[in-house]
C-alpha atoms as a PDB file:
ATOM      1  CA  MET A   1     251.036 184.815 198.145  1.00  0.00           C
ATOM      2  CA  LYS A   2     247.470 183.617 198.186  1.00  0.00           C
ATOM      3  CA  GLY A   3     248.196 180.651 200.435  1.00  0.00           C
ATOM      4  CA  ASN A   4     245.757 182.058 203.055  1.00  0.00           C
ATOM      5  CA  TYR A   5     242.945 181.310 200.591  1.00  0.00           C
ATOM      6  CA  SER A   6     243.113 177.576 201.385  1.00  0.00           C
ATOM      7  CA  HIS A   7     243.161 178.290 205.137  1.00  0.00           C
ATOM      8  CA  PHE A   8     239.988 180.444 204.684  1.00  0.00           C
ATOM      9  CA  ILE A   9     238.097 177.849 202.738  1.00  0.00           C
ATOM     10  CA  ALA A  10     239.080 175.118 205.216  1.00  0.00           C
ATOM     11  CA  SER A  11     237.962 177.292 208.142  1.00  0.00           C
ATOM     12  CA  VAL A  12     234.639 178.067 206.486  1.00  0.00           C
ATOM     13  CA  ILE A  13     233.988 174.345 206.230  1.00  0.00           C
ATOM     14  CA  ALA A  14     235.504 173.241 209.523  1.00  0.00           C
ATOM     15  CA  VAL A  15     234.065 175.821 211.924  1.00  0.00           C
ATOM     16  CA  PRO A  16     230.336 174.951 211.293  1.00  0.00           C
ATOM     17  CA  ILE A  17     231.240 171.206 211.528  1.00  0.00           C
ATOM     18  CA  GLY A  18     233.023 171.752 214.816  1.00  0.00           C
ATOM     19  CA  LEU A  19     230.102 173.683 216.239  1.00  0.00           C
ATOM     20  CA  ILE A  20     227.543 171.081 215.037  1.00  0.00           C
ATOM     21  CA  THR A  21     229.638 168.317 216.606  1.00  0.00           C
ATOM     22  CA  TRP A  22     229.767 170.259 219.912  1.00  0.00           C
ATOM     23  CA  VAL A  23     226.020 170.908 219.910  1.00  0.00           C
ATOM     24  CA  LEU A  24     225.147 167.286 219.140  1.00  0.00           C
ATOM     25  CA  SER A  25     227.483 165.906 221.770  1.00  0.00           C
ATOM     26  CA  SER A  26     226.221 168.330 224.453  1.00  0.00           C
ATOM     27  CA  ASN A  27     222.457 168.227 223.761  1.00  0.00           C
ATOM     28  CA  ILE A  28     221.799 164.879 222.152  1.00  0.00           C
ATOM     29  CA  PHE A  29     224.407 162.424 223.459  1.00  0.00           C
ATOM     30  CA  ASP A  30     224.521 164.267 226.902  1.00  0.00           C
ATOM     31  CA  ILE A  31     228.290 163.734 227.298  1.00  0.00           C
ATOM     32  CA  HIS A  32     230.494 165.413 229.908  1.00  0.00           C
ATOM     33  CA  MET A  33     231.127 169.082 229.039  1.00  0.00           C
ATOM     34  CA  PHE A  34     234.858 168.538 228.820  1.00  0.00           C
ATOM     35  CA  LEU A  35     234.362 165.681 226.321  1.00  0.00           C
ATOM     36  CA  ASP A  36     231.891 167.912 224.432  1.00  0.00           C
ATOM     37  CA  VAL A  37     234.627 170.486 223.916  1.00  0.00           C
ATOM     38  CA  VAL A  38     237.102 167.754 222.882  1.00  0.00           C
ATOM     39  CA  LEU A  39     234.644 166.329 220.405  1.00  0.00           C
ATOM     40  CA  GLY A  40     234.028 169.798 218.969  1.00  0.00           C
ATOM     41  CA  ILE A  41     237.761 170.441 218.487  1.00  0.00           C
ATOM     42  CA  GLY A  42     238.082 166.927 217.031  1.00  0.00           C
ATOM     43  CA  GLY A  43     235.241 167.644 214.524  1.00  0.00           C
ATOM     44  CA  PHE A  44     236.951 170.883 213.564  1.00  0.00           C
ATOM     45  CA  GLY A  45     240.320 169.241 213.043  1.00  0.00           C
ATOM     46  CA  ALA A  46     238.902 166.253 211.157  1.00  0.00           C
ATOM     47  CA  SER A  47     237.188 168.499 208.692  1.00  0.00           C
ATOM     48  CA  TYR A  48     239.855 171.286 208.539  1.00  0.00           C
ATOM     49  CA  LEU A  49     242.803 169.156 207.530  1.00  0.00           C
ATOM     50  CA  PRO A  50     241.265 167.410 204.466  1.00  0.00           C
ATOM     51  CA  SER A  51     239.474 170.631 203.399  1.00  0.00           C
ATOM     52  CA  HIS A  52     242.739 172.606 203.641  1.00  0.00           C
ATOM     53  CA  ARG A  53     244.621 169.909 201.646  1.00  0.00           C
ATOM     54  CA  ILE A  54     242.006 169.855 198.913  1.00  0.00           C
ATOM     55  CA  ALA A  55     241.882 173.636 198.611  1.00  0.00           C
ATOM     56  CA  HIS A  56     245.663 173.916 198.702  1.00  0.00           C
ATOM     57  CA  ASN A  57     246.124 171.236 195.974  1.00  0.00           C
ATOM     58  CA  LYS A  58     243.580 173.004 193.820  1.00  0.00           C
ATOM     59  CA  HIS A  59     245.436 176.294 194.245  1.00  0.00           C
ATOM     60  CA  LEU A  60     248.705 174.599 193.323  1.00  0.00           C
ATOM     61  CA  GLU A  61     247.049 173.232 190.109  1.00  0.00           C
ATOM     62  CA  GLU A  62     245.815 176.697 189.196  1.00  0.00           C
ATOM     63  CA  ILE A  63     249.274 178.269 189.588  1.00  0.00           C
ATOM     64  CA  ASN A  64     250.998 175.254 188.023  1.00  0.00           C
ATOM     65  CA  LEU A  65     253.477 174.563 190.936  1.00  0.00           C
ATOM     66  CA  THR A  66     254.379 171.629 193.025  1.00  0.00           C
ATOM     67  CA  ASN A  67     254.057 171.787 196.799  1.00  0.00           C
ATOM     68  CA  SER A  68     257.891 171.831 197.228  1.00  0.00           C
ATOM     69  CA  GLU A  69     258.201 174.691 194.664  1.00  0.00           C
ATOM     70  CA  TYR A  70     255.444 176.634 196.479  1.00  0.00           C
ATOM     71  CA  LYS A  71     257.096 176.257 199.838  1.00  0.00           C
ATOM     72  CA  TYR A  72     260.495 177.386 198.413  1.00  0.00           C
ATOM     73  CA  ILE A  73     259.021 180.511 196.832  1.00  0.00           C
ATOM     74  CA  LYS A  74     257.165 181.264 200.033  1.00  0.00           C
ATOM     75  CA  SER A  75     260.414 180.933 202.063  1.00  0.00           C
ATOM     76  CA  GLN A  76     262.161 183.262 199.595  1.00  0.00           C
ATOM     77  CA  LEU A  77     259.396 185.853 200.033  1.00  0.00           C
ATOM     78  CA  HIS A  78     259.732 185.582 203.810  1.00  0.00           C
ATOM     79  CA  GLN A  79     263.450 186.402 203.454  1.00  0.00           C
ATOM     80  CA  VAL A  80     262.500 189.387 201.312  1.00  0.00           C
ATOM     81  CA  ASP A  81     260.318 190.726 204.104  1.00  0.00           C
ATOM     82  CA  GLU A  82     263.377 190.878 206.402  1.00  0.00           C
ATOM     83  CA  GLN A  83     265.365 192.741 203.703  1.00  0.00           C
ATOM     84  CA  MET A  84     262.483 195.250 203.178  1.00  0.00           C
ATOM     85  CA  LYS A  85     262.483 195.988 206.846  1.00  0.00           C
ATOM     86  CA  ARG A  86     266.146 196.856 206.698  1.00  0.00           C
ATOM     87  CA  LEU A  87     265.548 199.057 203.670  1.00  0.00           C
ATOM     88  CA  ARG A  88     262.700 200.935 205.384  1.00  0.00           C
ATOM     89  CA  SER A  89     264.771 201.465 208.523  1.00  0.00           C
ATOM     90  CA  SER A  90     267.490 203.128 206.469  1.00  0.00           C
ATOM     91  CA  TYR A  91     265.152 205.955 205.356  1.00  0.00           C
ATOM     92  CA  MET A  92     265.960 207.932 208.476  1.00  0.00           C
ATOM     93  CA  ASN A  93     269.462 208.473 207.223  1.00  0.00           C
ATOM     94  CA  ILE A  94     268.355 210.227 203.971  1.00  0.00           C
ATOM     95  CA  ARG A  95     269.815 213.722 203.887  1.00  0.00           C
ATOM     96  CA  SER A  96     269.004 215.088 200.435  1.00  0.00           C
ATOM     97  CA  ILE A  97     265.990 215.334 198.144  1.00  0.00           C
ATOM     98  CA  LYS A  98     267.759 213.735 195.212  1.00  0.00           C
ATOM     99  CA  ASP A  99     268.752 210.684 197.308  1.00  0.00           C
ATOM    100  CA  ALA A 100     265.182 210.461 198.662  1.00  0.00           C
ATOM    101  CA  LYS A 101     263.756 210.470 195.130  1.00  0.00           C
ATOM    102  CA  LEU A 102     266.254 207.801 193.931  1.00  0.00           C
ATOM    103  CA  ILE A 103     265.806 205.495 196.870  1.00  0.00           C
ATOM    104  CA  PHE A 104     262.020 205.736 196.823  1.00  0.00           C
ATOM    105  CA  GLU A 105     262.051 204.911 193.089  1.00  0.00           C
ATOM    106  CA  ILE A 106     264.220 201.845 193.769  1.00  0.00           C
ATOM    107  CA  ASN A 107     261.886 200.865 196.612  1.00  0.00           C
ATOM    108  CA  ARG A 108     258.842 201.245 194.353  1.00  0.00           C
ATOM    109  CA  ILE A 109     260.398 198.908 191.671  1.00  0.00           C
ATOM    110  CA  ILE A 110     261.340 196.404 194.424  1.00  0.00           C
ATOM    111  CA  LYS A 111     257.812 196.403 195.813  1.00  0.00           C
ATOM    112  CA  THR A 112     256.317 195.958 192.397  1.00  0.00           C
ATOM    113  CA  ILE A 113     258.515 192.919 191.699  1.00  0.00           C
ATOM    114  CA  ILE A 114     257.609 191.379 195.017  1.00  0.00           C
ATOM    115  CA  SER A 115     253.833 191.995 194.575  1.00  0.00           C
ATOM    116  CA  SER A 116     254.056 190.458 191.060  1.00  0.00           C
ATOM    117  CA  VAL A 117     255.471 187.259 192.423  1.00  0.00           C
ATOM    118  CA  GLU A 118     252.884 187.245 195.247  1.00  0.00           C
ATOM    119  CA  GLU A 119     250.181 187.507 192.634  1.00  0.00           C
ATOM    120  CA  GLU A 120     251.729 184.967 190.194  1.00  0.00           C
ATOM    121  CA  PRO A 121     254.317 182.822 192.036  1.00  0.00           C
ATOM    122  CA  ARG A 122     255.602 181.308 188.808  1.00  0.00           C
ATOM    123  CA  LYS A 123     257.161 184.687 187.973  1.00  0.00           C
ATOM    124  CA  PHE A 124     259.680 183.948 190.665  1.00  0.00           C
ATOM    125  CA  TYR A 125     261.674 181.760 188.257  1.00  0.00           C
ATOM    126  CA  ARG A 126     262.058 184.686 185.866  1.00  0.00           C
ATOM    127  CA  GLY A 127     263.226 186.915 188.702  1.00  0.00           C
ATOM    128  CA  GLN A 128     265.727 184.676 190.458  1.00  0.00           C
ATOM    129  CA  GLN A 129     268.557 187.131 189.805  1.00  0.00           C
ATOM    130  CA  PHE A 130     266.572 189.787 191.717  1.00  0.00           C
ATOM    131  CA  PHE A 131     265.827 187.512 194.688  1.00  0.00           C
ATOM    132  CA  HIS A 132     269.237 185.830 194.889  1.00  0.00           C
ATOM    133  CA  SER A 133     271.518 188.794 194.155  1.00  0.00           C
ATOM    134  CA  ASN A 134     270.139 192.174 193.139  1.00  0.00           C
ATOM    135  CA  LEU A 135     267.837 192.751 196.124  1.00  0.00           C
ATOM    136  CA  GLU A 136     270.499 192.061 198.767  1.00  0.00           C
ATOM    137  CA  SER A 137     273.004 194.171 196.849  1.00  0.00           C
ATOM    138  CA  ALA A 138     270.533 197.019 196.697  1.00  0.00           C
ATOM    139  CA  VAL A 139     269.750 196.871 200.431  1.00  0.00           C
ATOM    140  CA  ASN A 140     273.405 196.618 201.456  1.00  0.00           C
ATOM    141  CA  THR A 141     274.524 199.447 199.217  1.00  0.00           C
ATOM    142  CA  ILE A 142     271.705 201.791 200.204  1.00  0.00           C
ATOM    143  CA  GLU A 143     272.338 201.092 203.939  1.00  0.00           C
ATOM    144  CA  LYS A 144     276.026 201.812 203.718  1.00  0.00           C
ATOM    145  CA  TYR A 145     275.651 204.765 201.348  1.00  0.00           C
ATOM    146  CA  LEU A 146     273.136 206.573 203.553  1.00  0.00           C
ATOM    147  CA  TYR A 147     275.057 205.840 206.751  1.00  0.00           C
ATOM    148  CA  LEU A 148     278.278 207.178 205.342  1.00  0.00           C
ATOM    149  CA  TYR A 149     276.639 210.106 203.604  1.00  0.00           C
ATOM    150  CA  LYS A 150     275.351 211.591 206.902  1.00  0.00           C
ATOM    151  CA  MET A 151     278.843 211.359 208.483  1.00  0.00           C
ATOM    152  CA  PRO A 152     280.435 214.821 208.962  1.00  0.00           C
ATOM    153  CA  GLY A 153     283.933 215.815 208.017  1.00  0.00           C
ATOM    154  CA  LYS A 154     284.292 213.707 204.880  1.00  0.00           C
ATOM    155  CA  SER A 155     287.505 213.987 202.905  1.00  0.00           C
ATOM    156  CA  LYS A 156     287.605 214.709 199.145  1.00  0.00           C
ATOM    157  CA  ASN A 157     288.319 211.058 198.406  1.00  0.00           C
ATOM    158  CA  GLU A 158     285.392 209.949 200.526  1.00  0.00           C
ATOM    159  CA  ARG A 159     283.075 212.366 198.768  1.00  0.00           C
ATOM    160  CA  ILE A 160     284.224 210.961 195.469  1.00  0.00           C
ATOM    161  CA  GLN A 161     283.522 207.413 196.662  1.00  0.00           C
ATOM    162  CA  LEU A 162     280.026 208.405 197.734  1.00  0.00           C
ATOM    163  CA  HIS A 163     279.391 210.094 194.373  1.00  0.00           C
ATOM    164  CA  GLU A 164     280.500 206.953 192.587  1.00  0.00           C
ATOM    165  CA  THR A 165     278.254 204.835 194.818  1.00  0.00           C
ATOM    166  CA  ARG A 166     275.292 206.983 193.918  1.00  0.00           C
ATOM    167  CA  LEU A 167     276.072 206.415 190.258  1.00  0.00           C
ATOM    168  CA  SER A 168     276.125 202.636 191.016  1.00  0.00           C
ATOM    169  CA  LEU A 169     272.628 203.055 192.563  1.00  0.00           C
ATOM    170  CA  LEU A 170     271.406 204.644 189.412  1.00  0.00           C
ATOM    171  CA  GLU A 171     272.812 201.646 187.493  1.00  0.00           C
ATOM    172  CA  LEU A 172     271.192 199.347 190.032  1.00  0.00           C
ATOM    173  CA  LYS A 173     267.843 201.040 189.412  1.00  0.00           C
ATOM    174  CA  ARG A 174     268.138 200.297 185.679  1.00  0.00           C
ATOM    175  CA  THR A 175     269.031 196.709 186.535  1.00  0.00           C
ATOM    176  CA  LEU A 176     265.928 196.322 188.743  1.00  0.00           C
ATOM    177  CA  GLN A 177     263.764 197.796 185.920  1.00  0.00           C
ATOM    178  CA  SER A 178     265.225 195.182 183.626  1.00  0.00           C
ATOM    179  CA  ASN A 179     264.434 192.414 186.133  1.00  0.00           C
ATOM    180  CA  LEU A 180     260.845 193.646 186.251  1.00  0.00           C
ATOM    181  CA  SER A 181     260.579 193.836 182.503  1.00  0.00           C
ATOM    182  CA  TYR A 182     261.926 190.318 182.077  1.00  0.00           C
ATOM    183  CA  MET A 183     259.443 188.984 184.654  1.00  0.00           C
ATOM    184  CA  ASN A 184     256.561 190.563 182.777  1.00  0.00           C
ATOM    185  CA  GLN A 185     257.702 189.522 179.345  1.00  0.00           C
ATOM    186  CA  ALA A 186     255.257 186.564 179.195  1.00  0.00           C
ATOM    187  CA  SER A 187     252.361 188.928 180.109  1.00  0.00           C
ATOM    188  CA  TYR A 188     253.391 191.301 177.291  1.00  0.00           C
ATOM    189  CA  ASN A 189     253.487 188.338 174.876  1.00  0.00           C
ATOM    190  CA  ASP A 190     249.945 187.409 176.018  1.00  0.00           C
ATOM    191  CA  LEU A 191     248.900 190.978 175.444  1.00  0.00           C
ATOM    192  CA  ASP A 192     250.260 190.897 171.909  1.00  0.00           C
ATOM    193  CA  ILE A 193     248.327 187.715 171.213  1.00  0.00           C
ATOM    194  CA  GLU A 194     245.106 189.288 172.543  1.00  0.00           C
ATOM    195  CA  ARG A 195     245.727 192.363 170.400  1.00  0.00           C
ATOM    196  CA  GLU A 196     246.175 190.139 167.326  1.00  0.00           C
ATOM    197  CA  ILE A 197     242.939 188.305 168.057  1.00  0.00           C
ATOM    198  CA  ILE A 198     241.077 191.608 168.398  1.00  0.00           C
ATOM    199  CA  ARG A 199     242.567 192.852 165.145  1.00  0.00           C
ATOM    200  CA  ARG A 200     241.613 189.679 163.278  1.00  0.00           C
ATOM    201  CA  ASN A 201     238.132 189.639 164.740  1.00  0.00           C
ATOM    202  CA  ALA A 202     237.653 193.327 163.687  1.00  0.00           C
ATOM    203  CA  SER A 203     238.912 192.505 160.192  1.00  0.00           C
ATOM    204  CA  ARG A 204     236.515 189.591 159.884  1.00  0.00           C
ATOM    205  CA  SER A 205     233.647 191.706 161.166  1.00  0.00           C
ATOM    206  CA  LYS A 206     234.402 194.342 158.493  1.00  0.00           C
ATOM    207  CA  LYS A 207     234.449 191.713 155.806  1.00  0.00           C
ATOM    208  CA  ARG A 208     231.164 190.290 156.944  1.00  0.00           C
ATOM    209  CA  GLN A 209     229.574 193.747 157.016  1.00  0.00           C
ATOM    210  CA  ALA A 210     230.919 194.523 153.554  1.00  0.00           C
ATOM    211  CA  MET A 211     229.514 191.176 152.209  1.00  0.00           C
ATOM    212  CA  LEU A 212     226.181 191.865 153.916  1.00  0.00           C
ATOM    213  CA  GLY A 213     226.143 195.410 152.488  1.00  0.00           C
ATOM    214  CA  ASN A 214     226.871 194.066 148.953  1.00  0.00           C
ATOM    215  CA  LYS A 215     224.101 191.510 149.343  1.00  0.00           C
ATOM    216  CA  LEU A 216     221.627 194.117 150.466  1.00  0.00           C
ATOM    217  CA  ASP A 217     222.571 196.375 147.495  1.00  0.00           C
ATOM    218  CA  LYS A 218     221.996 193.496 145.114  1.00  0.00           C
ATOM    219  CA  GLU A 219     218.670 192.765 146.668  1.00  0.00           C
ATOM    220  CA  LYS A 220     217.654 196.422 146.353  1.00  0.00           C
ATOM    221  CA  VAL A 221     218.758 196.425 142.650  1.00  0.00           C
ATOM    222  CA  ASN A 222     216.792 193.256 142.011  1.00  0.00           C
ATOM    223  CA  LEU A 223     213.754 194.688 143.838  1.00  0.00           C
ATOM    224  CA  LYS A 224     213.854 197.842 141.761  1.00  0.00           C
ATOM    225  CA  ARG A 225     214.197 195.842 138.535  1.00  0.00           C
ATOM    226  CA  GLU A 226     211.244 193.753 139.503  1.00  0.00           C
ATOM    227  CA  GLU A 227     209.251 196.836 140.323  1.00  0.00           C
ATOM    228  CA  LYS A 228     210.095 198.335 136.969  1.00  0.00           C
ATOM    229  CA  GLU A 229     209.171 195.103 135.131  1.00  0.00           C
ATOM    230  CA  GLU A 230     205.861 194.986 136.998  1.00  0.00           C
ATOM    231  CA  ILE A 231     205.121 198.606 136.023  1.00  0.00           C
ATOM    232  CA  LEU A 232     205.992 197.930 132.362  1.00  0.00           C
ATOM    233  CA  TYR A 233     203.868 194.771 132.413  1.00  0.00           C
ATOM    234  CA  ARG A 234     200.853 196.640 133.755  1.00  0.00           C
ATOM    235  CA  GLY A 235     201.382 199.365 131.248  1.00  0.00           C
ATOM    236  CA  GLU A 236     201.384 196.952 128.332  1.00  0.00           C
ATOM    237  CA  GLN A 237     198.171 195.327 129.702  1.00  0.00           C
ATOM    238  CA  ASN A 238     196.474 198.775 129.811  1.00  0.00           C
ATOM    239  CA  ASP A 239     197.620 199.546 126.266  1.00  0.00           C
ATOM    240  CA  GLY A 240     196.190 196.289 125.088  1.00  0.00           C
ATOM    241  CA  ARG A 241     192.828 197.152 126.524  1.00  0.00           C
END
Protein backbone atom coordinates (compact mmCIF):
# COMPACT_ATOMS: atom_id res chain seq x y z
CA MET A 1 0.00 0.00 0.00
CA LYS A 2 1.09 3.57 -0.52
CA GLY A 3 1.16 4.43 3.18
CA ASN A 4 4.91 5.19 2.95
CA TYR A 5 3.99 8.23 0.85
CA SER A 6 2.79 10.16 3.93
CA HIS A 7 5.98 9.18 5.82
CA PHE A 8 8.09 10.46 2.91
CA ILE A 9 6.25 13.80 2.71
CA ALA A 10 6.44 14.30 6.48
CA SER A 11 10.17 13.48 6.48
CA VAL A 12 10.85 15.92 3.62
CA ILE A 13 9.23 18.67 5.71
CA ALA A 14 10.51 17.64 9.14
CA VAL A 15 14.20 16.97 8.38
CA PRO A 16 15.00 20.54 7.20
CA ILE A 17 13.06 22.01 10.15
CA GLY A 18 14.95 19.79 12.60
CA LEU A 19 18.30 20.81 11.07
CA ILE A 20 17.38 24.50 11.11
CA THR A 21 16.32 24.23 14.76
CA TRP A 22 19.63 22.55 15.65
CA VAL A 23 21.68 25.17 13.75
CA LEU A 24 19.82 28.08 15.36
CA SER A 25 20.13 26.66 18.85
CA SER A 26 23.84 25.89 18.48
CA ASN A 27 24.99 29.06 16.67
CA ILE A 28 22.59 31.80 17.63
CA PHE A 29 21.28 30.93 21.08
CA ASP A 30 24.58 29.27 22.11
CA ILE A 31 22.88 26.54 24.15
CA HIS A 32 24.62 23.46 25.51
CA MET A 33 25.36 20.88 22.81
CA PHE A 34 23.14 18.23 24.40
CA LEU A 35 20.24 20.68 24.50
CA ASP A 36 20.98 21.62 20.89
CA VAL A 37 20.46 17.99 19.86
CA VAL A 38 17.32 17.72 21.97
CA LEU A 39 15.89 20.88 20.40
CA GLY A 40 16.75 19.58 16.92
CA ILE A 41 14.96 16.28 17.62
CA GLY A 42 12.05 18.20 19.12
CA GLY A 43 11.81 20.40 16.04
CA PHE A 44 11.80 17.31 13.83
CA GLY A 45 9.06 15.64 15.89
CA ALA A 46 6.95 18.79 16.17
CA SER A 47 6.92 19.19 12.39
CA TYR A 48 6.85 15.48 11.43
CA LEU A 49 3.72 14.48 13.34
CA PRO A 50 1.31 17.12 11.95
CA SER A 51 2.83 16.81 8.47
CA HIS A 52 2.38 13.05 8.53
CA ARG A 53 -1.20 13.37 9.76
CA ILE A 54 -2.12 15.89 7.05
CA ALA A 55 -0.51 13.81 4.27
CA HIS A 56 -2.10 10.61 5.59
CA ASN A 57 -5.59 12.17 5.79
CA LYS A 58 -5.22 13.52 2.26
CA HIS A 59 -4.25 10.04 1.05
CA LEU A 60 -7.30 8.54 2.79
CA GLU A 61 -9.54 11.08 1.05
CA GLU A 62 -8.04 10.17 -2.32
CA ILE A 63 -8.68 6.43 -1.84
CA ASN A 64 -12.05 7.02 -0.11
CA LEU A 65 -11.30 5.05 3.07
CA THR A 66 -11.51 5.78 6.78
CA ASN A 67 -8.44 5.40 8.96
CA SER A 68 -9.85 2.25 10.62
CA GLU A 69 -10.61 0.69 7.22
CA TYR A 70 -7.11 1.51 6.01
CA LYS A 71 -5.51 -0.07 9.08
CA TYR A 72 -7.64 -3.20 8.70
CA ILE A 73 -6.71 -3.65 5.04
CA LYS A 74 -3.06 -3.06 5.89
CA SER A 75 -3.20 -5.75 8.59
CA GLN A 76 -4.79 -8.19 6.14
CA LEU A 77 -2.01 -7.54 3.63
CA HIS A 78 0.55 -8.16 6.38
CA GLN A 79 -1.01 -11.58 7.01
CA VAL A 80 -0.85 -12.24 3.28
CA ASP A 81 2.92 -11.67 3.37
CA GLU A 82 3.28 -14.52 5.85
CA GLN A 83 1.21 -16.85 3.67
CA MET A 84 3.22 -15.92 0.58
CA LYS A 85 6.43 -16.85 2.43
CA ARG A 86 4.92 -20.28 3.13
CA LEU A 87 3.97 -20.66 -0.51
CA ARG A 88 7.46 -19.75 -1.74
CA SER A 89 9.11 -22.14 0.74
CA SER A 90 7.04 -25.00 -0.68
CA TYR A 91 8.59 -24.59 -4.16
CA MET A 92 11.53 -26.81 -3.20
CA ASN A 93 9.15 -29.78 -3.03
CA ILE A 94 8.05 -29.49 -6.68
CA ARG A 95 8.91 -32.71 -8.53
CA SER A 96 7.27 -32.35 -11.97
CA ILE A 97 7.10 -29.77 -14.73
CA LYS A 98 3.30 -29.85 -14.89
CA ASP A 99 3.06 -29.14 -11.15
CA ALA A 100 5.62 -26.35 -11.45
CA LYS A 101 3.60 -24.74 -14.26
CA LEU A 102 0.30 -25.01 -12.35
CA ILE A 103 1.66 -23.68 -9.06
CA PHE A 104 3.53 -20.82 -10.69
CA GLU A 105 0.32 -19.84 -12.52
CA ILE A 106 -1.59 -19.90 -9.23
CA ASN A 107 1.17 -17.84 -7.63
CA ARG A 108 1.03 -15.31 -10.49
CA ILE A 109 -2.73 -14.82 -10.02
CA ILE A 110 -2.31 -14.46 -6.25
CA LYS A 111 0.44 -11.84 -6.67
CA THR A 112 -1.71 -9.94 -9.17
CA ILE A 113 -4.64 -9.83 -6.74
CA ILE A 114 -2.40 -8.63 -3.91
CA SER A 115 -0.72 -5.93 -6.02
CA SER A 116 -4.16 -4.74 -7.21
CA VAL A 117 -5.25 -4.18 -3.61
CA GLU A 118 -1.93 -2.49 -2.79
CA GLU A 119 -2.51 -0.07 -5.67
CA GLU A 120 -6.24 0.43 -4.96
CA PRO A 121 -7.06 -0.57 -1.35
CA ARG A 122 -10.83 -0.32 -1.90
CA LYS A 123 -10.61 -3.40 -4.12
CA PHE A 124 -10.08 -5.37 -0.92
CA TYR A 125 -13.83 -5.33 -0.30
CA ARG A 126 -14.45 -6.98 -3.67
CA GLY A 127 -11.85 -9.64 -2.90
CA GLN A 128 -12.71 -10.58 0.68
CA GLN A 129 -13.39 -14.19 -0.31
CA PHE A 130 -9.82 -14.41 -1.56
CA PHE A 131 -8.28 -12.91 1.59
CA HIS A 132 -10.51 -14.70 4.10
CA SER A 133 -10.73 -18.14 2.49
CA ASN A 134 -9.27 -18.87 -0.93
CA LEU A 135 -5.69 -17.78 -0.27
CA GLU A 136 -5.31 -19.85 2.90
CA SER A 137 -6.92 -22.84 1.19
CA ALA A 138 -4.52 -22.50 -1.73
CA VAL A 139 -1.42 -22.31 0.47
CA ASN A 140 -2.47 -25.22 2.70
CA THR A 141 -3.42 -27.46 -0.23
CA ILE A 142 -0.24 -26.72 -2.20
CA GLU A 143 1.95 -27.32 0.85
CA LYS A 144 0.39 -30.69 1.66
CA TYR A 145 0.14 -31.79 -1.98
CA LEU A 146 3.81 -31.10 -2.73
CA TYR A 147 4.98 -32.63 0.53
CA LEU A 148 3.03 -35.84 -0.03
CA TYR A 149 3.84 -35.99 -3.75
CA LYS A 150 7.59 -36.28 -3.07
CA MET A 151 7.11 -39.16 -0.61
CA PRO A 152 8.29 -42.52 -2.03
CA GLY A 153 6.36 -45.80 -1.96
CA LYS A 154 2.88 -44.39 -2.41
CA SER A 155 -0.01 -46.84 -2.68
CA LYS A 156 -2.52 -46.83 -5.51
CA ASN A 157 -5.11 -45.17 -3.31
CA GLU A 158 -2.64 -42.47 -2.28
CA ARG A 159 -1.77 -41.77 -5.93
CA ILE A 160 -5.48 -41.45 -6.69
CA GLN A 161 -5.88 -38.98 -3.81
CA LEU A 162 -2.97 -36.90 -5.07
CA HIS A 163 -4.42 -36.89 -8.59
CA GLU A 164 -7.78 -35.70 -7.23
CA THR A 165 -5.99 -33.03 -5.22
CA ARG A 166 -4.29 -31.78 -8.37
CA LEU A 167 -7.70 -31.53 -10.05
CA SER A 168 -8.83 -29.51 -7.04
CA LEU A 169 -5.87 -27.18 -7.58
CA LEU A 170 -6.99 -26.66 -11.18
CA GLU A 171 -10.44 -25.75 -9.89
CA LEU A 172 -8.83 -23.46 -7.33
CA LYS A 173 -6.94 -21.71 -10.12
CA ARG A 174 -10.23 -20.98 -11.90
CA THR A 175 -11.70 -19.70 -8.62
CA LEU A 176 -8.77 -17.32 -8.13
CA GLN A 177 -9.18 -16.08 -11.70
CA SER A 178 -12.84 -15.44 -10.90
CA ASN A 179 -11.80 -13.50 -7.78
CA LEU A 180 -9.49 -11.34 -9.87
CA SER A 181 -12.14 -10.70 -12.53
CA TYR A 182 -14.69 -9.70 -9.89
CA MET A 183 -12.22 -7.31 -8.27
CA ASN A 184 -11.52 -5.65 -11.63
CA GLN A 185 -15.17 -5.47 -12.70
CA ALA A 186 -15.47 -1.80 -11.76
CA SER A 187 -12.36 -1.00 -13.83
CA TYR A 188 -13.84 -2.79 -16.84
CA ASN A 189 -17.08 -0.81 -16.36
CA ASP A 190 -15.06 2.42 -16.34
CA LEU A 191 -13.30 1.24 -19.50
CA ASP A 192 -16.68 0.67 -21.20
CA ILE A 193 -17.73 4.20 -20.25
CA GLU A 194 -14.52 5.66 -21.69
CA ARG A 195 -14.99 3.67 -24.89
CA GLU A 196 -18.55 4.98 -25.20
CA ILE A 197 -17.33 8.57 -24.70
CA ILE A 198 -14.68 8.08 -27.39
CA ARG A 199 -17.29 6.61 -29.75
CA ARG A 200 -19.70 9.51 -29.20
CA ASN A 201 -16.97 12.11 -29.60
CA ALA A 202 -15.86 10.47 -32.85
CA SER A 203 -19.46 10.44 -34.10
CA ARG A 204 -19.92 14.11 -33.24
CA SER A 205 -16.62 14.95 -34.93
CA LYS A 206 -17.74 13.18 -38.12
CA LYS A 207 -21.05 15.05 -38.08
CA ARG A 208 -19.28 18.38 -37.63
CA GLN A 209 -16.89 17.56 -40.46
CA ALA A 210 -19.82 16.57 -42.70
CA MET A 211 -21.68 19.80 -41.87
CA LEU A 212 -18.54 21.82 -42.52
CA GLY A 213 -17.98 19.99 -45.80
CA ASN A 214 -21.56 20.70 -46.92
CA LYS A 215 -21.19 24.35 -45.96
CA LEU A 216 -17.97 24.64 -47.95
CA ASP A 217 -19.61 22.95 -50.96
CA LYS A 218 -22.50 25.43 -50.82
CA GLU A 219 -20.08 28.33 -50.58
CA LYS A 220 -18.17 27.00 -53.60
CA VAL A 221 -21.43 26.67 -55.57
CA ASN A 222 -22.50 30.19 -54.62
CA LEU A 223 -19.06 31.52 -55.52
CA LYS A 224 -19.18 29.85 -58.95
CA ARG A 225 -22.70 31.20 -59.51
CA GLU A 226 -21.58 34.70 -58.60
CA GLU A 227 -18.60 34.38 -60.94
CA LYS A 228 -20.86 33.27 -63.79
CA GLU A 229 -23.29 36.12 -63.13
CA GLU A 230 -20.38 38.57 -63.10
CA ILE A 231 -19.09 37.21 -66.41
CA LEU A 232 -22.58 37.41 -67.98
CA TYR A 233 -23.04 40.95 -66.68
CA ARG A 234 -19.74 42.07 -68.18
CA GLY A 235 -20.65 40.37 -71.45
CA GLU A 236 -23.96 42.25 -71.64
CA GLN A 237 -22.16 45.54 -70.95
CA ASN A 238 -19.68 44.85 -73.74
CA ASP A 239 -22.54 43.99 -76.14
CA GLY A 240 -24.29 47.23 -75.25
CA ARG A 241 -21.25 49.19 -76.19
